[in-house]
Amino acid sequence: MSEMTATVLSVDQLVERARRLATMGGRRILGLTGAPGAGKSTIAQHLVDALGSETAALVPMDGFHLANEVLDALGRHERKGAFDTFDSWGFAALLQRLRRQTEEGGDPVVYAPQFRRDLEEPIGSAIPVLPSQSLIVTEGNYLLLDRDAWPSARAVIDEVWFLLPHEEIRLERLFERHMRFGRSHEEAWARSLGSDQRNAELIRATASSADLLVALSGEHSDPPLQRT
């Protein structure tokens, strides 16, 4: 087995990598993945803000959460956030549509869904994407998963970066997020160390498929992952 170590990079260096991707011609798609609390949404938003809305658009995977009513009907509500509580086929289809948007005859605007944490529900047609935006940044837990339609989504993403903060930093962020959206101290820790942790272990196992494993400067990564 050979070791796969994280590359230590600053946020500014990630911005420059994203900028290079955006200037390669045509429509490019960049994916950020990692376990819950890894900082995906924060970094993704920073990249888009730094490049500007004329160049980049953020289309998170979380917009494809199944609605709570559907999760109740499927008996999956208690596992919300697991890979099978998302519409992976819808996500893959949207990325394929975004890839084709800049081709002749492509859609003048594509509207993507958005997940509202204050509502705990997805909202359709909330994010407009224009053909002039050369870089689409997407982020989510399961961009590298090898089941359902996730491989079809991965096939149209140019690069996937896996964020690997120190585990204590990740858990603290996750706990604080649960508290911020109304969970009690006990509920926040139970979720962070329960279903979220099970999801984190599944996601971490996909890291060897990433194009870049990132440890942000100022954060200490865990011991090297092993690639078989």
C-alpha atoms as a PDB file:
ATOM      1  CA  MET A   1       0.000   0.000   0.000  1.00  0.00           C
ATOM      2  CA  SER A   2       1.150   3.527  -0.746  1.00  0.00           C
ATOM      3  CA  GLU A   3       0.402   6.564   1.381  1.00  0.00           C
ATOM      4  CA  MET A   4      -1.761   9.383   0.112  1.00  0.00           C
ATOM      5  CA  THR A   5      -1.000  12.569   2.019  1.00  0.00           C
ATOM      6  CA  ALA A   6      -2.908  15.818   2.007  1.00  0.00           C
ATOM      7  CA  THR A   7      -1.479  18.879   0.284  1.00  0.00           C
ATOM      8  CA  VAL A   8      -1.316  21.835   2.662  1.00  0.00           C
ATOM      9  CA  LEU A   9      -2.707  24.895   0.870  1.00  0.00           C
ATOM     10  CA  SER A  10      -4.026  28.307   1.852  1.00  0.00           C
ATOM     11  CA  VAL A  11      -7.465  29.509   0.827  1.00  0.00           C
ATOM     12  CA  ASP A  12      -5.784  31.974  -1.541  1.00  0.00           C
ATOM     13  CA  GLN A  13      -3.960  29.101  -3.238  1.00  0.00           C
ATOM     14  CA  LEU A  14      -7.267  27.264  -3.682  1.00  0.00           C
ATOM     15  CA  VAL A  15      -8.716  30.403  -5.254  1.00  0.00           C
ATOM     16  CA  GLU A  16      -5.841  30.516  -7.750  1.00  0.00           C
ATOM     17  CA  ARG A  17      -6.352  26.848  -8.631  1.00  0.00           C
ATOM     18  CA  ALA A  18     -10.052  27.513  -9.189  1.00  0.00           C
ATOM     19  CA  ARG A  19      -9.226  30.584 -11.283  1.00  0.00           C
ATOM     20  CA  ARG A  20      -6.950  28.536 -13.540  1.00  0.00           C
ATOM     21  CA  LEU A  21      -9.702  25.982 -14.012  1.00  0.00           C
ATOM     22  CA  ALA A  22     -12.173  28.743 -14.903  1.00  0.00           C
ATOM     23  CA  THR A  23      -9.890  30.049 -17.658  1.00  0.00           C
ATOM     24  CA  MET A  24      -9.292  26.713 -19.405  1.00  0.00           C
ATOM     25  CA  GLY A  25     -12.107  27.345 -21.864  1.00  0.00           C
ATOM     26  CA  GLY A  26     -15.716  26.228 -22.005  1.00  0.00           C
ATOM     27  CA  ARG A  27     -17.756  25.233 -18.980  1.00  0.00           C
ATOM     28  CA  ARG A  28     -15.780  23.708 -16.112  1.00  0.00           C
ATOM     29  CA  ILE A  29     -17.168  22.085 -12.963  1.00  0.00           C
ATOM     30  CA  LEU A  30     -15.259  21.923  -9.680  1.00  0.00           C
ATOM     31  CA  GLY A  31     -16.417  19.722  -6.816  1.00  0.00           C
ATOM     32  CA  LEU A  32     -15.557  20.030  -3.119  1.00  0.00           C
ATOM     33  CA  THR A  33     -16.222  17.062  -0.888  1.00  0.00           C
ATOM     34  CA  GLY A  34     -15.387  15.781   2.572  1.00  0.00           C
ATOM     35  CA  ALA A  35     -17.122  14.622   5.725  1.00  0.00           C
ATOM     36  CA  PRO A  36     -19.837  16.700   7.423  1.00  0.00           C
ATOM     37  CA  GLY A  37     -18.203  19.737   9.020  1.00  0.00           C
ATOM     38  CA  ALA A  38     -15.145  19.663   6.742  1.00  0.00           C
ATOM     39  CA  GLY A  39     -15.785  23.241   5.603  1.00  0.00           C
ATOM     40  CA  LYS A  40     -17.083  22.495   2.102  1.00  0.00           C
ATOM     41  CA  SER A  41     -19.796  25.141   1.917  1.00  0.00           C
ATOM     42  CA  THR A  42     -17.573  27.839   3.434  1.00  0.00           C
ATOM     43  CA  ILE A  43     -14.700  27.214   1.027  1.00  0.00           C
ATOM     44  CA  ALA A  44     -17.013  26.829  -1.961  1.00  0.00           C
ATOM     45  CA  GLN A  45     -18.694  30.165  -1.229  1.00  0.00           C
ATOM     46  CA  HIS A  46     -15.304  31.829  -0.767  1.00  0.00           C
ATOM     47  CA  LEU A  47     -14.113  30.553  -4.155  1.00  0.00           C
ATOM     48  CA  VAL A  48     -17.204  31.869  -5.915  1.00  0.00           C
ATOM     49  CA  ASP A  49     -17.035  35.216  -4.129  1.00  0.00           C
ATOM     50  CA  ALA A  50     -13.352  35.590  -4.996  1.00  0.00           C
ATOM     51  CA  LEU A  51     -13.881  34.801  -8.677  1.00  0.00           C
ATOM     52  CA  GLY A  52     -17.030  36.908  -8.926  1.00  0.00           C
ATOM     53  CA  SER A  53     -20.537  36.127 -10.108  1.00  0.00           C
ATOM     54  CA  GLU A  54     -19.602  36.951 -13.714  1.00  0.00           C
ATOM     55  CA  THR A  55     -17.240  33.976 -13.702  1.00  0.00           C
ATOM     56  CA  ALA A  56     -18.503  31.452 -11.152  1.00  0.00           C
ATOM     57  CA  ALA A  57     -21.731  30.051  -9.711  1.00  0.00           C
ATOM     58  CA  LEU A  58     -22.271  27.877  -6.642  1.00  0.00           C
ATOM     59  CA  VAL A  59     -24.597  24.885  -7.072  1.00  0.00           C
ATOM     60  CA  PRO A  60     -24.515  22.769  -3.887  1.00  0.00           C
ATOM     61  CA  MET A  61     -25.476  19.107  -3.838  1.00  0.00           C
ATOM     62  CA  ASP A  62     -27.670  19.773  -0.786  1.00  0.00           C
ATOM     63  CA  GLY A  63     -30.383  21.188  -3.038  1.00  0.00           C
ATOM     64  CA  PHE A  64     -31.162  17.563  -3.847  1.00  0.00           C
ATOM     65  CA  HIS A  65     -32.136  16.565  -0.308  1.00  0.00           C
ATOM     66  CA  LEU A  66     -35.368  14.608  -0.499  1.00  0.00           C
ATOM     67  CA  ALA A  67     -38.249  16.559   1.043  1.00  0.00           C
ATOM     68  CA  ASN A  68     -39.137  15.699   4.631  1.00  0.00           C
ATOM     69  CA  GLU A  69     -42.507  14.339   3.517  1.00  0.00           C
ATOM     70  CA  VAL A  70     -40.745  11.926   1.156  1.00  0.00           C
ATOM     71  CA  LEU A  71     -38.230  10.901   3.829  1.00  0.00           C
ATOM     72  CA  ASP A  72     -41.112  10.182   6.206  1.00  0.00           C
ATOM     73  CA  ALA A  73     -42.829   8.023   3.593  1.00  0.00           C
ATOM     74  CA  LEU A  74     -39.578   6.107   2.961  1.00  0.00           C
ATOM     75  CA  GLY A  75     -38.818   5.722   6.670  1.00  0.00           C
ATOM     76  CA  ARG A  76     -35.485   7.537   6.262  1.00  0.00           C
ATOM     77  CA  HIS A  77     -36.077  10.791   8.111  1.00  0.00           C
ATOM     78  CA  GLU A  78     -33.934   9.766  11.075  1.00  0.00           C
ATOM     79  CA  ARG A  79     -31.069   9.144   8.638  1.00  0.00           C
ATOM     80  CA  LYS A  80     -31.390  12.490   6.828  1.00  0.00           C
ATOM     81  CA  GLY A  81     -28.000  13.261   5.348  1.00  0.00           C
ATOM     82  CA  ALA A  82     -27.216   9.658   4.379  1.00  0.00           C
ATOM     83  CA  PHE A  83     -26.446   9.004   0.702  1.00  0.00           C
ATOM     84  CA  ASP A  84     -29.894   7.541   0.008  1.00  0.00           C
ATOM     85  CA  THR A  85     -31.719  10.610   1.359  1.00  0.00           C
ATOM     86  CA  PHE A  86     -30.718  12.618  -1.731  1.00  0.00           C
ATOM     87  CA  ASP A  87     -31.951  12.528  -5.320  1.00  0.00           C
ATOM     88  CA  SER A  88     -28.639  11.487  -6.837  1.00  0.00           C
ATOM     89  CA  TRP A  89     -30.200  11.003 -10.284  1.00  0.00           C
ATOM     90  CA  GLY A  90     -31.577  14.548 -10.231  1.00  0.00           C
ATOM     91  CA  PHE A  91     -28.185  15.909  -9.187  1.00  0.00           C
ATOM     92  CA  ALA A  92     -26.390  14.024 -11.966  1.00  0.00           C
ATOM     93  CA  ALA A  93     -28.949  15.226 -14.530  1.00  0.00           C
ATOM     94  CA  LEU A  94     -28.509  18.842 -13.438  1.00  0.00           C
ATOM     95  CA  LEU A  95     -24.711  18.664 -13.730  1.00  0.00           C
ATOM     96  CA  GLN A  96     -25.061  17.156 -17.198  1.00  0.00           C
ATOM     97  CA  ARG A  97     -27.427  19.976 -18.171  1.00  0.00           C
ATOM     98  CA  LEU A  98     -24.985  22.550 -16.798  1.00  0.00           C
ATOM     99  CA  ARG A  99     -22.157  20.953 -18.769  1.00  0.00           C
ATOM    100  CA  ARG A 100     -24.172  21.310 -21.999  1.00  0.00           C
ATOM    101  CA  GLN A 101     -25.382  24.829 -21.243  1.00  0.00           C
ATOM    102  CA  THR A 102     -22.486  26.600 -22.960  1.00  0.00           C
ATOM    103  CA  GLU A 103     -22.826  24.535 -26.135  1.00  0.00           C
ATOM    104  CA  GLU A 104     -24.748  25.829 -29.137  1.00  0.00           C
ATOM    105  CA  GLY A 105     -28.443  25.652 -28.376  1.00  0.00           C
ATOM    106  CA  GLY A 106     -27.840  25.410 -24.621  1.00  0.00           C
ATOM    107  CA  ASP A 107     -30.291  26.805 -22.101  1.00  0.00           C
ATOM    108  CA  PRO A 108     -30.129  30.604 -21.624  1.00  0.00           C
ATOM    109  CA  VAL A 109     -30.537  30.047 -17.900  1.00  0.00           C
ATOM    110  CA  VAL A 110     -30.590  26.936 -15.708  1.00  0.00           C
ATOM    111  CA  TYR A 111     -32.300  27.153 -12.330  1.00  0.00           C
ATOM    112  CA  ALA A 112     -30.824  24.911  -9.628  1.00  0.00           C
ATOM    113  CA  PRO A 113     -32.413  24.011  -6.277  1.00  0.00           C
ATOM    114  CA  GLN A 114     -31.147  25.255  -2.925  1.00  0.00           C
ATOM    115  CA  PHE A 115     -31.322  23.684   0.534  1.00  0.00           C
ATOM    116  CA  ARG A 116     -32.631  26.019   3.254  1.00  0.00           C
ATOM    117  CA  ARG A 117     -31.280  25.003   6.652  1.00  0.00           C
ATOM    118  CA  ASP A 118     -33.728  27.281   8.423  1.00  0.00           C
ATOM    119  CA  LEU A 119     -36.559  25.291   6.836  1.00  0.00           C
ATOM    120  CA  GLU A 120     -34.708  21.957   6.631  1.00  0.00           C
ATOM    121  CA  GLU A 121     -36.163  21.647   3.121  1.00  0.00           C
ATOM    122  CA  PRO A 122     -34.939  22.069  -0.462  1.00  0.00           C
ATOM    123  CA  ILE A 123     -36.312  24.962  -2.525  1.00  0.00           C
ATOM    124  CA  GLY A 124     -36.551  24.435  -6.277  1.00  0.00           C
ATOM    125  CA  SER A 125     -35.420  26.851  -8.998  1.00  0.00           C
ATOM    126  CA  ALA A 126     -33.588  29.079  -6.503  1.00  0.00           C
ATOM    127  CA  ILE A 127     -30.133  29.468  -8.120  1.00  0.00           C
ATOM    128  CA  PRO A 128     -29.910  30.912 -11.654  1.00  0.00           C
ATOM    129  CA  VAL A 129     -26.889  29.809 -13.685  1.00  0.00           C
ATOM    130  CA  LEU A 130     -25.927  31.652 -16.876  1.00  0.00           C
ATOM    131  CA  PRO A 131     -23.883  30.372 -19.850  1.00  0.00           C
ATOM    132  CA  SER A 132     -21.384  33.186 -19.289  1.00  0.00           C
ATOM    133  CA  GLN A 133     -20.324  31.705 -15.945  1.00  0.00           C
ATOM    134  CA  SER A 134     -17.388  29.526 -16.932  1.00  0.00           C
ATOM    135  CA  LEU A 135     -16.964  27.758 -13.579  1.00  0.00           C
ATOM    136  CA  ILE A 136     -19.598  25.885 -11.604  1.00  0.00           C
ATOM    137  CA  VAL A 137     -18.578  25.056  -8.047  1.00  0.00           C
ATOM    138  CA  THR A 138     -20.528  22.243  -6.437  1.00  0.00           C
ATOM    139  CA  GLU A 139     -20.028  20.831  -2.988  1.00  0.00           C
ATOM    140  CA  GLY A 140     -21.422  17.875  -1.096  1.00  0.00           C
ATOM    141  CA  ASN A 141     -20.705  14.713   0.806  1.00  0.00           C
ATOM    142  CA  TYR A 142     -21.091  12.070  -1.866  1.00  0.00           C
ATOM    143  CA  LEU A 143     -19.386  13.379  -5.003  1.00  0.00           C
ATOM    144  CA  LEU A 144     -17.034  10.373  -5.025  1.00  0.00           C
ATOM    145  CA  LEU A 145     -19.447   7.643  -3.925  1.00  0.00           C
ATOM    146  CA  ASP A 146     -19.551   4.590  -6.192  1.00  0.00           C
ATOM    147  CA  ARG A 147     -23.267   3.753  -5.984  1.00  0.00           C
ATOM    148  CA  ASP A 148     -26.649   4.982  -7.267  1.00  0.00           C
ATOM    149  CA  ALA A 149     -26.171   7.893  -9.714  1.00  0.00           C
ATOM    150  CA  TRP A 150     -23.206   9.471  -7.926  1.00  0.00           C
ATOM    151  CA  PRO A 151     -20.702   8.077 -10.491  1.00  0.00           C
ATOM    152  CA  SER A 152     -22.726   9.741 -13.287  1.00  0.00           C
ATOM    153  CA  ALA A 153     -22.409  13.053 -11.455  1.00  0.00           C
ATOM    154  CA  ARG A 154     -18.676  12.542 -10.938  1.00  0.00           C
ATOM    155  CA  ALA A 155     -18.204  11.840 -14.635  1.00  0.00           C
ATOM    156  CA  VAL A 156     -19.013  15.443 -15.572  1.00  0.00           C
ATOM    157  CA  ILE A 157     -16.998  17.107 -12.786  1.00  0.00           C
ATOM    158  CA  ASP A 158     -13.544  18.204 -13.955  1.00  0.00           C
ATOM    159  CA  GLU A 159     -11.854  18.101 -10.545  1.00  0.00           C
ATOM    160  CA  VAL A 160     -12.930  16.965  -7.075  1.00  0.00           C
ATOM    161  CA  TRP A 161     -11.052  18.285  -4.033  1.00  0.00           C
ATOM    162  CA  PHE A 162     -11.394  16.407  -0.742  1.00  0.00           C
ATOM    163  CA  LEU A 163     -11.136  18.610   2.371  1.00  0.00           C
ATOM    164  CA  LEU A 164      -9.472  16.936   5.332  1.00  0.00           C
ATOM    165  CA  PRO A 165      -9.357  19.070   8.486  1.00  0.00           C
ATOM    166  CA  HIS A 166      -8.275  17.640  11.816  1.00  0.00           C
ATOM    167  CA  GLU A 167     -11.059  15.501  13.240  1.00  0.00           C
ATOM    168  CA  GLU A 168     -11.461  17.652  16.344  1.00  0.00           C
ATOM    169  CA  ILE A 169     -11.915  20.779  14.201  1.00  0.00           C
ATOM    170  CA  ARG A 170     -14.470  19.011  12.021  1.00  0.00           C
ATOM    171  CA  LEU A 171     -16.519  17.743  14.969  1.00  0.00           C
ATOM    172  CA  GLU A 172     -16.490  21.144  16.662  1.00  0.00           C
ATOM    173  CA  ARG A 173     -17.784  22.814  13.498  1.00  0.00           C
ATOM    174  CA  LEU A 174     -20.460  20.171  13.105  1.00  0.00           C
ATOM    175  CA  PHE A 175     -21.599  20.481  16.715  1.00  0.00           C
ATOM    176  CA  GLU A 176     -21.762  24.268  16.470  1.00  0.00           C
ATOM    177  CA  ARG A 177     -23.787  24.056  13.260  1.00  0.00           C
ATOM    178  CA  HIS A 178     -26.359  21.776  14.878  1.00  0.00           C
ATOM    179  CA  MET A 179     -26.609  24.142  17.843  1.00  0.00           C
ATOM    180  CA  ARG A 180     -26.972  27.151  15.534  1.00  0.00           C
ATOM    181  CA  PHE A 181     -29.983  25.581  13.844  1.00  0.00           C
ATOM    182  CA  GLY A 182     -31.879  24.869  17.013  1.00  0.00           C
ATOM    183  CA  ARG A 183     -30.711  21.538  18.416  1.00  0.00           C
ATOM    184  CA  SER A 184     -30.013  21.197  22.119  1.00  0.00           C
ATOM    185  CA  HIS A 185     -26.503  20.479  23.409  1.00  0.00           C
ATOM    186  CA  GLU A 186     -27.361  16.796  23.840  1.00  0.00           C
ATOM    187  CA  GLU A 187     -29.085  16.523  20.455  1.00  0.00           C
ATOM    188  CA  ALA A 188     -26.171  18.234  18.702  1.00  0.00           C
ATOM    189  CA  TRP A 189     -23.613  15.817  20.097  1.00  0.00           C
ATOM    190  CA  ALA A 190     -25.857  12.796  19.511  1.00  0.00           C
ATOM    191  CA  ARG A 191     -26.258  13.757  15.853  1.00  0.00           C
ATOM    192  CA  SER A 192     -22.579  14.633  15.381  1.00  0.00           C
ATOM    193  CA  LEU A 193     -21.338  11.364  16.869  1.00  0.00           C
ATOM    194  CA  GLY A 194     -24.209   9.224  15.578  1.00  0.00           C
ATOM    195  CA  SER A 195     -25.605   9.346  12.044  1.00  0.00           C
ATOM    196  CA  ASP A 196     -23.210  12.116  10.984  1.00  0.00           C
ATOM    197  CA  GLN A 197     -20.232  10.036  12.070  1.00  0.00           C
ATOM    198  CA  ARG A 198     -21.457   6.989  10.165  1.00  0.00           C
ATOM    199  CA  ASN A 199     -21.797   9.157   7.074  1.00  0.00           C
ATOM    200  CA  ALA A 200     -18.332  10.630   7.704  1.00  0.00           C
ATOM    201  CA  GLU A 201     -16.739   7.178   7.744  1.00  0.00           C
ATOM    202  CA  LEU A 202     -18.376   6.278   4.421  1.00  0.00           C
ATOM    203  CA  ILE A 203     -17.290   9.577   2.875  1.00  0.00           C
ATOM    204  CA  ARG A 204     -13.720   9.318   4.155  1.00  0.00           C
ATOM    205  CA  ALA A 205     -13.415   5.940   2.433  1.00  0.00           C
ATOM    206  CA  THR A 206     -13.903   7.708  -0.919  1.00  0.00           C
ATOM    207  CA  ALA A 207     -11.009  10.142  -0.430  1.00  0.00           C
ATOM    208  CA  SER A 208      -8.522   8.126  -2.489  1.00  0.00           C
ATOM    209  CA  SER A 209     -10.612   8.879  -5.602  1.00  0.00           C
ATOM    210  CA  ALA A 210     -10.183  12.643  -5.243  1.00  0.00           C
ATOM    211  CA  ASP A 211      -8.009  14.690  -7.586  1.00  0.00           C
ATOM    212  CA  LEU A 212      -6.640  16.678  -4.649  1.00  0.00           C
ATOM    213  CA  LEU A 213      -6.643  15.989  -0.919  1.00  0.00           C
ATOM    214  CA  VAL A 214      -6.507  19.333   0.895  1.00  0.00           C
ATOM    215  CA  ALA A 215      -5.419  20.289   4.387  1.00  0.00           C
ATOM    216  CA  LEU A 216      -5.869  24.026   4.795  1.00  0.00           C
ATOM    217  CA  SER A 217      -2.906  25.864   6.232  1.00  0.00           C
ATOM    218  CA  GLY A 218      -3.653  26.516   9.896  1.00  0.00           C
ATOM    219  CA  GLU A 219      -5.475  23.219  10.208  1.00  0.00           C
ATOM    220  CA  HIS A 220      -3.640  19.980  10.925  1.00  0.00           C
ATOM    221  CA  SER A 221      -4.654  16.971   8.870  1.00  0.00           C
ATOM    222  CA  ASP A 222      -5.063  13.507  10.280  1.00  0.00           C
ATOM    223  CA  PRO A 223      -2.367  10.827   9.659  1.00  0.00           C
ATOM    224  CA  PRO A 224      -1.984   9.940   5.975  1.00  0.00           C
ATOM    225  CA  LEU A 225      -4.757   7.907   4.378  1.00  0.00           C
ATOM    226  CA  GLN A 226      -3.770   4.621   2.816  1.00  0.00           C
ATOM    227  CA  ARG A 227      -4.366   3.936  -0.877  1.00  0.00           C
ATOM    228  CA  THR A 228      -4.663   0.242  -1.697  1.00  0.00           C
END
